[in-house]
Protein backbone atom coordinates (compact mmCIF):
# COMPACT_ATOMS: atom_id res chain seq x y z
CA UNK A 1 0.00 0.00 0.00
CA UNK A 2 1.49 3.34 -1.08
CA UNK A 3 0.59 6.50 0.85
CA UNK A 4 0.75 9.59 -1.37
CA UNK A 5 3.17 12.12 0.18
CA UNK A 6 2.09 15.69 0.82
CA UNK A 7 3.12 18.16 -1.90
CA UNK A 8 2.62 21.92 -2.27
CA UNK A 9 1.57 24.26 -5.06
CA UNK A 10 4.13 25.54 -7.57
CA UNK A 11 3.92 29.19 -6.42
CA UNK A 12 4.81 28.26 -2.85
CA UNK A 13 7.53 25.87 -3.97
CA UNK A 14 9.14 28.50 -6.19
CA UNK A 15 8.70 31.71 -4.20
CA UNK A 16 8.30 30.74 -0.54
CA UNK A 17 11.78 30.84 1.08
CA UNK A 18 10.57 28.37 3.72
CA UNK A 19 10.06 25.67 1.09
CA UNK A 20 13.08 23.55 0.08
CA UNK A 21 14.63 24.47 -3.27
CA UNK A 22 16.44 22.37 -5.87
CA UNK A 23 18.16 22.77 -9.22
CA UNK A 24 14.92 22.73 -11.24
CA UNK A 25 13.56 25.60 -9.12
CA UNK A 26 16.68 27.63 -9.83
CA UNK A 27 16.33 26.91 -13.56
CA UNK A 28 12.66 27.99 -13.60
CA UNK A 29 13.43 31.18 -11.69
CA UNK A 30 16.38 31.91 -13.99
CA UNK A 31 14.20 31.51 -17.10
CA UNK A 32 11.55 33.79 -15.58
CA UNK A 33 14.23 36.36 -14.72
CA UNK A 34 15.48 36.17 -18.31
CA UNK A 35 11.98 37.01 -19.53
CA UNK A 36 11.83 40.05 -17.24
CA UNK A 37 15.32 41.17 -18.30
CA UNK A 38 14.34 40.89 -21.97
CA UNK A 39 11.27 43.07 -21.38
CA UNK A 40 13.55 45.72 -19.91
CA UNK A 41 16.63 45.46 -22.10
CA UNK A 42 15.34 44.79 -25.64
CA UNK A 43 14.95 47.70 -28.06
CA UNK A 44 11.41 49.03 -28.26
CA UNK A 45 10.99 47.88 -31.85
CA UNK A 46 11.75 44.27 -30.92
CA UNK A 47 9.81 43.91 -27.67
CA UNK A 48 6.36 43.34 -29.12
CA UNK A 49 7.24 40.75 -31.80
CA UNK A 50 9.60 38.86 -29.50
CA UNK A 51 7.17 38.69 -26.62
CA UNK A 52 4.34 37.79 -28.97
CA UNK A 53 6.46 34.86 -30.15
CA UNK A 54 7.39 33.92 -26.57
CA UNK A 55 3.79 33.97 -25.43
CA UNK A 56 2.63 31.90 -28.41
CA UNK A 57 5.43 29.40 -27.78
CA UNK A 58 4.56 28.89 -24.11
CA UNK A 59 0.82 28.85 -24.79
CA UNK A 60 1.37 26.18 -27.45
CA UNK A 61 3.50 24.24 -24.97
CA UNK A 62 0.60 24.48 -22.53
CA UNK A 63 -2.32 23.67 -24.84
CA UNK A 64 -0.60 21.33 -27.28
CA UNK A 65 2.45 20.02 -25.43
CA UNK A 66 0.85 19.19 -22.08
CA UNK A 67 -2.29 18.00 -23.85
CA UNK A 68 -0.25 15.62 -25.97
CA UNK A 69 1.62 14.23 -22.95
CA UNK A 70 -1.63 13.72 -21.05
CA UNK A 71 -3.25 12.02 -24.04
CA UNK A 72 -0.45 9.51 -24.63
CA UNK A 73 -0.21 8.78 -20.92
CA UNK A 74 -3.95 8.43 -20.39
CA UNK A 75 -4.54 6.25 -23.44
CA UNK A 76 -1.30 4.33 -23.78
CA UNK A 77 0.70 4.88 -20.53
CA UNK A 78 3.58 6.05 -22.71
CA UNK A 79 5.22 8.32 -20.13
CA UNK A 80 5.58 5.40 -17.74
CA UNK A 81 6.66 3.16 -20.62
CA UNK A 82 9.38 5.64 -21.60
CA UNK A 83 10.55 5.85 -17.99
CA UNK A 84 10.81 2.05 -17.85
CA UNK A 85 12.53 1.85 -21.22
CA UNK A 86 15.10 4.49 -20.25
CA UNK A 87 15.47 2.88 -16.79
CA UNK A 88 15.14 6.32 -15.19
CA UNK A 89 14.13 4.91 -11.81
CA UNK A 90 16.17 1.69 -11.89
CA UNK A 91 18.47 1.57 -8.87
CA UNK A 92 22.11 1.67 -10.12
CA UNK A 93 23.05 -0.91 -7.50
CA UNK A 94 21.27 -3.51 -9.62
CA UNK A 95 23.70 -2.85 -12.47
CA UNK A 96 20.83 -2.33 -14.91
CA UNK A 97 20.83 1.49 -15.01
CA UNK A 98 23.00 2.79 -17.88
CA UNK A 99 22.96 6.36 -16.51
CA UNK A 100 23.60 6.31 -12.73
CA UNK A 101 24.34 10.05 -12.73
CA UNK A 102 20.87 10.81 -14.11
CA UNK A 103 19.25 8.55 -11.52
CA UNK A 104 21.08 10.36 -8.71
CA UNK A 105 20.19 13.76 -10.16
CA UNK A 106 16.48 12.90 -10.43
CA UNK A 107 16.52 11.33 -6.98
CA UNK A 108 18.07 14.45 -5.44
CA UNK A 109 15.64 16.74 -7.30
CA UNK A 110 12.52 14.83 -6.25
CA UNK A 111 13.48 14.00 -2.67
CA UNK A 112 14.59 17.59 -2.01
CA UNK A 113 11.03 18.76 -2.69
CA UNK A 114 9.41 16.15 -0.41
CA UNK A 115 11.93 15.65 2.39
CA UNK A 116 9.60 14.08 4.99
CA UNK A 117 7.72 11.08 3.63
CA UNK A 118 9.05 10.28 0.17
CA UNK A 119 11.86 8.07 -1.09
CA UNK A 120 12.16 7.65 -4.83
CA UNK A 121 13.31 4.04 -4.67
CA UNK A 122 10.27 3.13 -2.52
CA UNK A 123 7.61 4.88 -4.61
CA UNK A 124 5.76 3.34 -7.61
CA UNK A 125 7.16 4.24 -11.01
CA UNK A 126 3.84 5.90 -11.91
CA UNK A 127 4.21 8.35 -9.03
CA UNK A 128 7.85 9.08 -9.81
CA UNK A 129 6.93 9.71 -13.44
CA UNK A 130 4.15 12.05 -12.32
CA UNK A 131 6.61 14.04 -10.19
CA UNK A 132 8.95 14.53 -13.17
CA UNK A 133 5.98 15.47 -15.38
CA UNK A 134 4.91 17.95 -12.70
CA UNK A 135 8.23 19.78 -12.90
CA UNK A 136 7.80 20.20 -16.67
CA UNK A 137 4.29 21.54 -16.06
CA UNK A 138 5.64 24.02 -13.48
CA UNK A 139 8.02 25.48 -16.04
CA UNK A 140 5.37 25.77 -18.75
CA UNK A 141 2.65 27.24 -16.53
CA UNK A 142 4.90 29.83 -14.93
CA UNK A 143 6.44 30.90 -18.23
CA UNK A 144 3.01 31.03 -19.88
CA UNK A 145 1.68 33.38 -17.21
CA UNK A 146 4.78 35.59 -17.00
CA UNK A 147 5.23 35.88 -20.77
CA UNK A 148 1.56 36.88 -21.13
CA UNK A 149 1.86 39.57 -18.45
CA UNK A 150 5.09 40.90 -19.97
CA UNK A 151 3.54 40.88 -23.46
CA UNK A 152 0.68 42.98 -22.13
CA UNK A 153 3.14 45.38 -20.46
CA UNK A 154 5.34 45.91 -23.54
CA UNK A 155 2.21 46.51 -25.64
CA UNK A 156 0.88 49.04 -23.18
CA UNK A 157 0.80 52.73 -24.03
CA UNK A 158 -1.01 55.90 -23.07
CA UNK A 159 -3.30 57.34 -25.74
CA UNK A 160 -2.69 60.95 -26.68
CA UNK A 161 -4.93 63.26 -24.70
CA UNK A 162 -5.91 60.67 -22.11
CA UNK A 163 -6.73 62.28 -18.79
CA UNK A 164 -5.23 61.27 -15.46
CA UNK A 165 -8.52 59.88 -14.17
CA UNK A 166 -9.00 57.54 -17.14
CA UNK A 167 -5.37 56.39 -17.04
CA UNK A 168 -5.55 55.76 -13.28
CA UNK A 169 -8.82 53.85 -13.61
CA UNK A 170 -7.48 51.76 -16.51
CA UNK A 171 -4.40 50.71 -14.56
CA UNK A 172 -6.31 49.98 -11.35
CA UNK A 173 -8.88 47.86 -13.18
CA UNK A 174 -6.13 46.02 -15.10
CA UNK A 175 -4.13 45.25 -11.97
CA UNK A 176 -7.31 44.16 -10.17
CA UNK A 177 -8.16 41.76 -13.01
CA UNK A 178 -4.66 40.24 -12.90
CA UNK A 179 -4.92 39.89 -9.13
CA UNK A 180 -8.35 38.28 -9.44
CA UNK A 181 -6.97 35.85 -12.02
CA UNK A 182 -4.18 34.85 -9.62
CA UNK A 183 -6.62 34.44 -6.75
CA UNK A 184 -8.92 32.23 -8.84
CA UNK A 185 -6.04 29.94 -9.84
CA UNK A 186 -4.64 29.68 -6.31
CA UNK A 187 -8.07 29.10 -4.80
CA UNK A 188 -8.84 26.45 -7.41
CA UNK A 189 -5.62 24.72 -6.41
CA UNK A 190 -6.65 24.95 -2.75
CA UNK A 191 -9.97 23.24 -3.56
CA UNK A 192 -8.83 20.40 -5.83
CA UNK A 193 -5.42 19.99 -4.17
CA UNK A 194 -2.06 19.29 -5.74
CA UNK A 195 -2.75 15.81 -7.10
CA UNK A 196 -5.77 16.82 -9.18
CA UNK A 197 -4.20 20.16 -10.19
CA UNK A 198 -1.45 18.26 -12.02
CA UNK A 199 -3.84 15.72 -13.60
CA UNK A 200 -2.68 13.00 -11.23
CA UNK A 201 -5.55 10.68 -12.08
CA UNK A 202 -4.08 10.08 -15.51
CA UNK A 203 -0.84 8.84 -13.95
CA UNK A 204 -2.38 6.84 -11.13
CA UNK A 205 -5.25 5.12 -12.90
CA UNK A 206 -3.32 1.85 -13.00
CA UNK A 207 -2.68 2.06 -9.24
CA UNK A 208 -6.22 2.87 -8.18
CA UNK A 209 -6.31 -0.18 -5.89
CA UNK A 210 -2.84 0.28 -4.46
CA UNK A 211 -2.53 3.72 -2.91
CA UNK A 212 -4.00 5.73 -0.07
CA UNK A 213 -4.51 9.50 -0.04
CA UNK A 214 -6.88 12.04 1.53
CA UNK A 215 -10.21 12.06 -0.32
CA UNK A 216 -9.89 15.67 -1.45
CA UNK A 217 -6.44 15.00 -2.81
CA UNK A 218 -7.55 12.34 -5.29
CA UNK A 219 -8.67 13.48 -8.71
CA UNK A 220 -11.83 11.36 -8.76
CA UNK A 221 -13.25 13.10 -11.80
CA UNK A 222 -10.06 12.40 -13.78
CA UNK A 223 -9.89 8.71 -13.02
CA UNK A 224 -11.53 6.26 -15.42
CA UNK A 225 -15.05 5.19 -14.33
CA UNK A 226 -13.91 1.69 -13.37
CA UNK A 227 -11.11 3.08 -11.18
CA UNK A 228 -13.48 5.51 -9.43
CA UNK A 229 -15.59 2.66 -8.06
CA UNK A 230 -12.58 1.31 -6.21
CA UNK A 231 -11.92 4.53 -4.25
C-alpha atoms as a PDB file:
ATOM      1  CA  UNK A   1       0.000   0.000   0.000  1.00  0.00           C
ATOM      2  CA  UNK A   2       1.488   3.342  -1.077  1.00  0.00           C
ATOM      3  CA  UNK A   3       0.590   6.497   0.848  1.00  0.00           C
ATOM      4  CA  UNK A   4       0.748   9.591  -1.374  1.00  0.00           C
ATOM      5  CA  UNK A   5       3.171  12.119   0.179  1.00  0.00           C
ATOM      6  CA  UNK A   6       2.094  15.694   0.817  1.00  0.00           C
ATOM      7  CA  UNK A   7       3.120  18.165  -1.897  1.00  0.00           C
ATOM      8  CA  UNK A   8       2.624  21.915  -2.274  1.00  0.00           C
ATOM      9  CA  UNK A   9       1.571  24.256  -5.062  1.00  0.00           C
ATOM     10  CA  UNK A  10       4.127  25.541  -7.566  1.00  0.00           C
ATOM     11  CA  UNK A  11       3.923  29.186  -6.423  1.00  0.00           C
ATOM     12  CA  UNK A  12       4.808  28.255  -2.851  1.00  0.00           C
ATOM     13  CA  UNK A  13       7.526  25.871  -3.968  1.00  0.00           C
ATOM     14  CA  UNK A  14       9.139  28.496  -6.185  1.00  0.00           C
ATOM     15  CA  UNK A  15       8.700  31.710  -4.198  1.00  0.00           C
ATOM     16  CA  UNK A  16       8.299  30.745  -0.543  1.00  0.00           C
ATOM     17  CA  UNK A  17      11.778  30.838   1.075  1.00  0.00           C
ATOM     18  CA  UNK A  18      10.568  28.371   3.716  1.00  0.00           C
ATOM     19  CA  UNK A  19      10.057  25.668   1.087  1.00  0.00           C
ATOM     20  CA  UNK A  20      13.083  23.546   0.078  1.00  0.00           C
ATOM     21  CA  UNK A  21      14.628  24.469  -3.274  1.00  0.00           C
ATOM     22  CA  UNK A  22      16.444  22.367  -5.870  1.00  0.00           C
ATOM     23  CA  UNK A  23      18.156  22.773  -9.225  1.00  0.00           C
ATOM     24  CA  UNK A  24      14.922  22.733 -11.236  1.00  0.00           C
ATOM     25  CA  UNK A  25      13.556  25.599  -9.116  1.00  0.00           C
ATOM     26  CA  UNK A  26      16.678  27.629  -9.828  1.00  0.00           C
ATOM     27  CA  UNK A  27      16.331  26.909 -13.560  1.00  0.00           C
ATOM     28  CA  UNK A  28      12.661  27.986 -13.605  1.00  0.00           C
ATOM     29  CA  UNK A  29      13.427  31.182 -11.694  1.00  0.00           C
ATOM     30  CA  UNK A  30      16.384  31.913 -13.995  1.00  0.00           C
ATOM     31  CA  UNK A  31      14.200  31.512 -17.100  1.00  0.00           C
ATOM     32  CA  UNK A  32      11.549  33.790 -15.580  1.00  0.00           C
ATOM     33  CA  UNK A  33      14.227  36.356 -14.716  1.00  0.00           C
ATOM     34  CA  UNK A  34      15.484  36.174 -18.307  1.00  0.00           C
ATOM     35  CA  UNK A  35      11.975  37.011 -19.526  1.00  0.00           C
ATOM     36  CA  UNK A  36      11.833  40.045 -17.235  1.00  0.00           C
ATOM     37  CA  UNK A  37      15.316  41.166 -18.297  1.00  0.00           C
ATOM     38  CA  UNK A  38      14.345  40.891 -21.967  1.00  0.00           C
ATOM     39  CA  UNK A  39      11.271  43.066 -21.383  1.00  0.00           C
ATOM     40  CA  UNK A  40      13.546  45.724 -19.905  1.00  0.00           C
ATOM     41  CA  UNK A  41      16.631  45.457 -22.103  1.00  0.00           C
ATOM     42  CA  UNK A  42      15.342  44.786 -25.638  1.00  0.00           C
ATOM     43  CA  UNK A  43      14.946  47.701 -28.064  1.00  0.00           C
ATOM     44  CA  UNK A  44      11.411  49.026 -28.261  1.00  0.00           C
ATOM     45  CA  UNK A  45      10.986  47.885 -31.851  1.00  0.00           C
ATOM     46  CA  UNK A  46      11.751  44.273 -30.920  1.00  0.00           C
ATOM     47  CA  UNK A  47       9.811  43.906 -27.669  1.00  0.00           C
ATOM     48  CA  UNK A  48       6.364  43.344 -29.119  1.00  0.00           C
ATOM     49  CA  UNK A  49       7.236  40.745 -31.799  1.00  0.00           C
ATOM     50  CA  UNK A  50       9.603  38.858 -29.501  1.00  0.00           C
ATOM     51  CA  UNK A  51       7.166  38.689 -26.619  1.00  0.00           C
ATOM     52  CA  UNK A  52       4.336  37.789 -28.973  1.00  0.00           C
ATOM     53  CA  UNK A  53       6.455  34.859 -30.154  1.00  0.00           C
ATOM     54  CA  UNK A  54       7.392  33.917 -26.566  1.00  0.00           C
ATOM     55  CA  UNK A  55       3.787  33.972 -25.430  1.00  0.00           C
ATOM     56  CA  UNK A  56       2.632  31.900 -28.412  1.00  0.00           C
ATOM     57  CA  UNK A  57       5.429  29.396 -27.778  1.00  0.00           C
ATOM     58  CA  UNK A  58       4.559  28.893 -24.107  1.00  0.00           C
ATOM     59  CA  UNK A  59       0.817  28.850 -24.786  1.00  0.00           C
ATOM     60  CA  UNK A  60       1.365  26.178 -27.449  1.00  0.00           C
ATOM     61  CA  UNK A  61       3.499  24.235 -24.967  1.00  0.00           C
ATOM     62  CA  UNK A  62       0.597  24.475 -22.530  1.00  0.00           C
ATOM     63  CA  UNK A  63      -2.316  23.668 -24.838  1.00  0.00           C
ATOM     64  CA  UNK A  64      -0.603  21.329 -27.283  1.00  0.00           C
ATOM     65  CA  UNK A  65       2.453  20.023 -25.426  1.00  0.00           C
ATOM     66  CA  UNK A  66       0.855  19.188 -22.082  1.00  0.00           C
ATOM     67  CA  UNK A  67      -2.293  18.005 -23.852  1.00  0.00           C
ATOM     68  CA  UNK A  68      -0.250  15.619 -25.967  1.00  0.00           C
ATOM     69  CA  UNK A  69       1.615  14.225 -22.948  1.00  0.00           C
ATOM     70  CA  UNK A  70      -1.634  13.718 -21.049  1.00  0.00           C
ATOM     71  CA  UNK A  71      -3.246  12.019 -24.035  1.00  0.00           C
ATOM     72  CA  UNK A  72      -0.454   9.512 -24.631  1.00  0.00           C
ATOM     73  CA  UNK A  73      -0.206   8.780 -20.916  1.00  0.00           C
ATOM     74  CA  UNK A  74      -3.946   8.435 -20.390  1.00  0.00           C
ATOM     75  CA  UNK A  75      -4.537   6.255 -23.442  1.00  0.00           C
ATOM     76  CA  UNK A  76      -1.298   4.327 -23.777  1.00  0.00           C
ATOM     77  CA  UNK A  77       0.698   4.878 -20.526  1.00  0.00           C
ATOM     78  CA  UNK A  78       3.579   6.052 -22.709  1.00  0.00           C
ATOM     79  CA  UNK A  79       5.219   8.319 -20.129  1.00  0.00           C
ATOM     80  CA  UNK A  80       5.577   5.405 -17.739  1.00  0.00           C
ATOM     81  CA  UNK A  81       6.658   3.156 -20.618  1.00  0.00           C
ATOM     82  CA  UNK A  82       9.378   5.640 -21.602  1.00  0.00           C
ATOM     83  CA  UNK A  83      10.550   5.853 -17.989  1.00  0.00           C
ATOM     84  CA  UNK A  84      10.809   2.051 -17.847  1.00  0.00           C
ATOM     85  CA  UNK A  85      12.534   1.851 -21.223  1.00  0.00           C
ATOM     86  CA  UNK A  86      15.098   4.486 -20.255  1.00  0.00           C
ATOM     87  CA  UNK A  87      15.468   2.875 -16.790  1.00  0.00           C
ATOM     88  CA  UNK A  88      15.142   6.319 -15.192  1.00  0.00           C
ATOM     89  CA  UNK A  89      14.133   4.915 -11.807  1.00  0.00           C
ATOM     90  CA  UNK A  90      16.172   1.685 -11.890  1.00  0.00           C
ATOM     91  CA  UNK A  91      18.472   1.565  -8.865  1.00  0.00           C
ATOM     92  CA  UNK A  92      22.105   1.674 -10.117  1.00  0.00           C
ATOM     93  CA  UNK A  93      23.051  -0.910  -7.499  1.00  0.00           C
ATOM     94  CA  UNK A  94      21.268  -3.511  -9.618  1.00  0.00           C
ATOM     95  CA  UNK A  95      23.704  -2.853 -12.472  1.00  0.00           C
ATOM     96  CA  UNK A  96      20.826  -2.325 -14.910  1.00  0.00           C
ATOM     97  CA  UNK A  97      20.832   1.486 -15.006  1.00  0.00           C
ATOM     98  CA  UNK A  98      22.996   2.790 -17.884  1.00  0.00           C
ATOM     99  CA  UNK A  99      22.962   6.363 -16.507  1.00  0.00           C
ATOM    100  CA  UNK A 100      23.595   6.314 -12.732  1.00  0.00           C
ATOM    101  CA  UNK A 101      24.335  10.049 -12.727  1.00  0.00           C
ATOM    102  CA  UNK A 102      20.868  10.813 -14.112  1.00  0.00           C
ATOM    103  CA  UNK A 103      19.245   8.546 -11.515  1.00  0.00           C
ATOM    104  CA  UNK A 104      21.083  10.355  -8.715  1.00  0.00           C
ATOM    105  CA  UNK A 105      20.188  13.761 -10.160  1.00  0.00           C
ATOM    106  CA  UNK A 106      16.479  12.905 -10.429  1.00  0.00           C
ATOM    107  CA  UNK A 107      16.524  11.330  -6.979  1.00  0.00           C
ATOM    108  CA  UNK A 108      18.065  14.450  -5.444  1.00  0.00           C
ATOM    109  CA  UNK A 109      15.644  16.736  -7.299  1.00  0.00           C
ATOM    110  CA  UNK A 110      12.522  14.833  -6.249  1.00  0.00           C
ATOM    111  CA  UNK A 111      13.479  14.001  -2.672  1.00  0.00           C
ATOM    112  CA  UNK A 112      14.590  17.588  -2.009  1.00  0.00           C
ATOM    113  CA  UNK A 113      11.030  18.764  -2.691  1.00  0.00           C
ATOM    114  CA  UNK A 114       9.407  16.152  -0.414  1.00  0.00           C
ATOM    115  CA  UNK A 115      11.929  15.654   2.392  1.00  0.00           C
ATOM    116  CA  UNK A 116       9.605  14.082   4.991  1.00  0.00           C
ATOM    117  CA  UNK A 117       7.716  11.084   3.632  1.00  0.00           C
ATOM    118  CA  UNK A 118       9.054  10.281   0.171  1.00  0.00           C
ATOM    119  CA  UNK A 119      11.856   8.069  -1.093  1.00  0.00           C
ATOM    120  CA  UNK A 120      12.163   7.651  -4.835  1.00  0.00           C
ATOM    121  CA  UNK A 121      13.311   4.038  -4.668  1.00  0.00           C
ATOM    122  CA  UNK A 122      10.275   3.132  -2.515  1.00  0.00           C
ATOM    123  CA  UNK A 123       7.607   4.883  -4.611  1.00  0.00           C
ATOM    124  CA  UNK A 124       5.758   3.344  -7.609  1.00  0.00           C
ATOM    125  CA  UNK A 125       7.161   4.244 -11.007  1.00  0.00           C
ATOM    126  CA  UNK A 126       3.835   5.901 -11.911  1.00  0.00           C
ATOM    127  CA  UNK A 127       4.207   8.350  -9.025  1.00  0.00           C
ATOM    128  CA  UNK A 128       7.852   9.079  -9.815  1.00  0.00           C
ATOM    129  CA  UNK A 129       6.932   9.711 -13.436  1.00  0.00           C
ATOM    130  CA  UNK A 130       4.154  12.045 -12.324  1.00  0.00           C
ATOM    131  CA  UNK A 131       6.608  14.039 -10.193  1.00  0.00           C
ATOM    132  CA  UNK A 132       8.946  14.526 -13.173  1.00  0.00           C
ATOM    133  CA  UNK A 133       5.985  15.467 -15.376  1.00  0.00           C
ATOM    134  CA  UNK A 134       4.907  17.946 -12.703  1.00  0.00           C
ATOM    135  CA  UNK A 135       8.231  19.784 -12.904  1.00  0.00           C
ATOM    136  CA  UNK A 136       7.797  20.196 -16.668  1.00  0.00           C
ATOM    137  CA  UNK A 137       4.294  21.543 -16.057  1.00  0.00           C
ATOM    138  CA  UNK A 138       5.640  24.021 -13.484  1.00  0.00           C
ATOM    139  CA  UNK A 139       8.024  25.484 -16.042  1.00  0.00           C
ATOM    140  CA  UNK A 140       5.372  25.768 -18.750  1.00  0.00           C
ATOM    141  CA  UNK A 141       2.646  27.243 -16.526  1.00  0.00           C
ATOM    142  CA  UNK A 142       4.899  29.835 -14.929  1.00  0.00           C
ATOM    143  CA  UNK A 143       6.439  30.900 -18.235  1.00  0.00           C
ATOM    144  CA  UNK A 144       3.007  31.029 -19.880  1.00  0.00           C
ATOM    145  CA  UNK A 145       1.683  33.384 -17.211  1.00  0.00           C
ATOM    146  CA  UNK A 146       4.781  35.593 -16.998  1.00  0.00           C
ATOM    147  CA  UNK A 147       5.226  35.879 -20.770  1.00  0.00           C
ATOM    148  CA  UNK A 148       1.556  36.876 -21.133  1.00  0.00           C
ATOM    149  CA  UNK A 149       1.860  39.570 -18.449  1.00  0.00           C
ATOM    150  CA  UNK A 150       5.087  40.903 -19.974  1.00  0.00           C
ATOM    151  CA  UNK A 151       3.544  40.877 -23.462  1.00  0.00           C
ATOM    152  CA  UNK A 152       0.682  42.984 -22.128  1.00  0.00           C
ATOM    153  CA  UNK A 153       3.141  45.378 -20.463  1.00  0.00           C
ATOM    154  CA  UNK A 154       5.336  45.912 -23.536  1.00  0.00           C
ATOM    155  CA  UNK A 155       2.208  46.508 -25.641  1.00  0.00           C
ATOM    156  CA  UNK A 156       0.875  49.040 -23.178  1.00  0.00           C
ATOM    157  CA  UNK A 157       0.804  52.732 -24.027  1.00  0.00           C
ATOM    158  CA  UNK A 158      -1.013  55.905 -23.066  1.00  0.00           C
ATOM    159  CA  UNK A 159      -3.299  57.344 -25.739  1.00  0.00           C
ATOM    160  CA  UNK A 160      -2.692  60.951 -26.685  1.00  0.00           C
ATOM    161  CA  UNK A 161      -4.930  63.261 -24.703  1.00  0.00           C
ATOM    162  CA  UNK A 162      -5.909  60.671 -22.113  1.00  0.00           C
ATOM    163  CA  UNK A 163      -6.732  62.281 -18.786  1.00  0.00           C
ATOM    164  CA  UNK A 164      -5.229  61.272 -15.460  1.00  0.00           C
ATOM    165  CA  UNK A 165      -8.518  59.880 -14.172  1.00  0.00           C
ATOM    166  CA  UNK A 166      -9.005  57.543 -17.141  1.00  0.00           C
ATOM    167  CA  UNK A 167      -5.374  56.394 -17.041  1.00  0.00           C
ATOM    168  CA  UNK A 168      -5.550  55.758 -13.282  1.00  0.00           C
ATOM    169  CA  UNK A 169      -8.818  53.847 -13.614  1.00  0.00           C
ATOM    170  CA  UNK A 170      -7.476  51.764 -16.507  1.00  0.00           C
ATOM    171  CA  UNK A 171      -4.396  50.708 -14.557  1.00  0.00           C
ATOM    172  CA  UNK A 172      -6.308  49.981 -11.353  1.00  0.00           C
ATOM    173  CA  UNK A 173      -8.883  47.860 -13.183  1.00  0.00           C
ATOM    174  CA  UNK A 174      -6.132  46.018 -15.101  1.00  0.00           C
ATOM    175  CA  UNK A 175      -4.130  45.252 -11.970  1.00  0.00           C
ATOM    176  CA  UNK A 176      -7.310  44.160 -10.173  1.00  0.00           C
ATOM    177  CA  UNK A 177      -8.164  41.759 -13.009  1.00  0.00           C
ATOM    178  CA  UNK A 178      -4.665  40.243 -12.904  1.00  0.00           C
ATOM    179  CA  UNK A 179      -4.923  39.895  -9.128  1.00  0.00           C
ATOM    180  CA  UNK A 180      -8.353  38.283  -9.445  1.00  0.00           C
ATOM    181  CA  UNK A 181      -6.966  35.846 -12.017  1.00  0.00           C
ATOM    182  CA  UNK A 182      -4.184  34.855  -9.621  1.00  0.00           C
ATOM    183  CA  UNK A 183      -6.620  34.440  -6.747  1.00  0.00           C
ATOM    184  CA  UNK A 184      -8.919  32.231  -8.839  1.00  0.00           C
ATOM    185  CA  UNK A 185      -6.044  29.937  -9.839  1.00  0.00           C
ATOM    186  CA  UNK A 186      -4.641  29.681  -6.310  1.00  0.00           C
ATOM    187  CA  UNK A 187      -8.069  29.100  -4.798  1.00  0.00           C
ATOM    188  CA  UNK A 188      -8.840  26.446  -7.415  1.00  0.00           C
ATOM    189  CA  UNK A 189      -5.619  24.717  -6.408  1.00  0.00           C
ATOM    190  CA  UNK A 190      -6.655  24.946  -2.751  1.00  0.00           C
ATOM    191  CA  UNK A 191      -9.967  23.237  -3.560  1.00  0.00           C
ATOM    192  CA  UNK A 192      -8.830  20.403  -5.830  1.00  0.00           C
ATOM    193  CA  UNK A 193      -5.420  19.986  -4.169  1.00  0.00           C
ATOM    194  CA  UNK A 194      -2.063  19.288  -5.736  1.00  0.00           C
ATOM    195  CA  UNK A 195      -2.751  15.814  -7.101  1.00  0.00           C
ATOM    196  CA  UNK A 196      -5.774  16.824  -9.178  1.00  0.00           C
ATOM    197  CA  UNK A 197      -4.201  20.156 -10.193  1.00  0.00           C
ATOM    198  CA  UNK A 198      -1.453  18.262 -12.017  1.00  0.00           C
ATOM    199  CA  UNK A 199      -3.840  15.723 -13.601  1.00  0.00           C
ATOM    200  CA  UNK A 200      -2.683  13.003 -11.231  1.00  0.00           C
ATOM    201  CA  UNK A 201      -5.551  10.681 -12.085  1.00  0.00           C
ATOM    202  CA  UNK A 202      -4.075  10.080 -15.509  1.00  0.00           C
ATOM    203  CA  UNK A 203      -0.842   8.840 -13.954  1.00  0.00           C
ATOM    204  CA  UNK A 204      -2.379   6.838 -11.133  1.00  0.00           C
ATOM    205  CA  UNK A 205      -5.249   5.117 -12.901  1.00  0.00           C
ATOM    206  CA  UNK A 206      -3.318   1.846 -13.001  1.00  0.00           C
ATOM    207  CA  UNK A 207      -2.677   2.060  -9.243  1.00  0.00           C
ATOM    208  CA  UNK A 208      -6.220   2.867  -8.183  1.00  0.00           C
ATOM    209  CA  UNK A 209      -6.307  -0.176  -5.889  1.00  0.00           C
ATOM    210  CA  UNK A 210      -2.837   0.281  -4.463  1.00  0.00           C
ATOM    211  CA  UNK A 211      -2.525   3.718  -2.908  1.00  0.00           C
ATOM    212  CA  UNK A 212      -4.000   5.729  -0.066  1.00  0.00           C
ATOM    213  CA  UNK A 213      -4.508   9.503  -0.038  1.00  0.00           C
ATOM    214  CA  UNK A 214      -6.881  12.037   1.526  1.00  0.00           C
ATOM    215  CA  UNK A 215     -10.207  12.061  -0.324  1.00  0.00           C
ATOM    216  CA  UNK A 216      -9.894  15.671  -1.448  1.00  0.00           C
ATOM    217  CA  UNK A 217      -6.439  14.995  -2.811  1.00  0.00           C
ATOM    218  CA  UNK A 218      -7.553  12.337  -5.294  1.00  0.00           C
ATOM    219  CA  UNK A 219      -8.668  13.476  -8.711  1.00  0.00           C
ATOM    220  CA  UNK A 220     -11.825  11.364  -8.760  1.00  0.00           C
ATOM    221  CA  UNK A 221     -13.246  13.104 -11.798  1.00  0.00           C
ATOM    222  CA  UNK A 222     -10.062  12.399 -13.778  1.00  0.00           C
ATOM    223  CA  UNK A 223      -9.894   8.710 -13.021  1.00  0.00           C
ATOM    224  CA  UNK A 224     -11.535   6.257 -15.417  1.00  0.00           C
ATOM    225  CA  UNK A 225     -15.047   5.189 -14.331  1.00  0.00           C
ATOM    226  CA  UNK A 226     -13.906   1.687 -13.374  1.00  0.00           C
ATOM    227  CA  UNK A 227     -11.113   3.076 -11.182  1.00  0.00           C
ATOM    228  CA  UNK A 228     -13.480   5.508  -9.434  1.00  0.00           C
ATOM    229  CA  UNK A 229     -15.591   2.662  -8.061  1.00  0.00           C
ATOM    230  CA  UNK A 230     -12.575   1.313  -6.206  1.00  0.00           C
ATOM    231  CA  UNK A 231     -11.920   4.534  -4.252  1.00  0.00           C
END
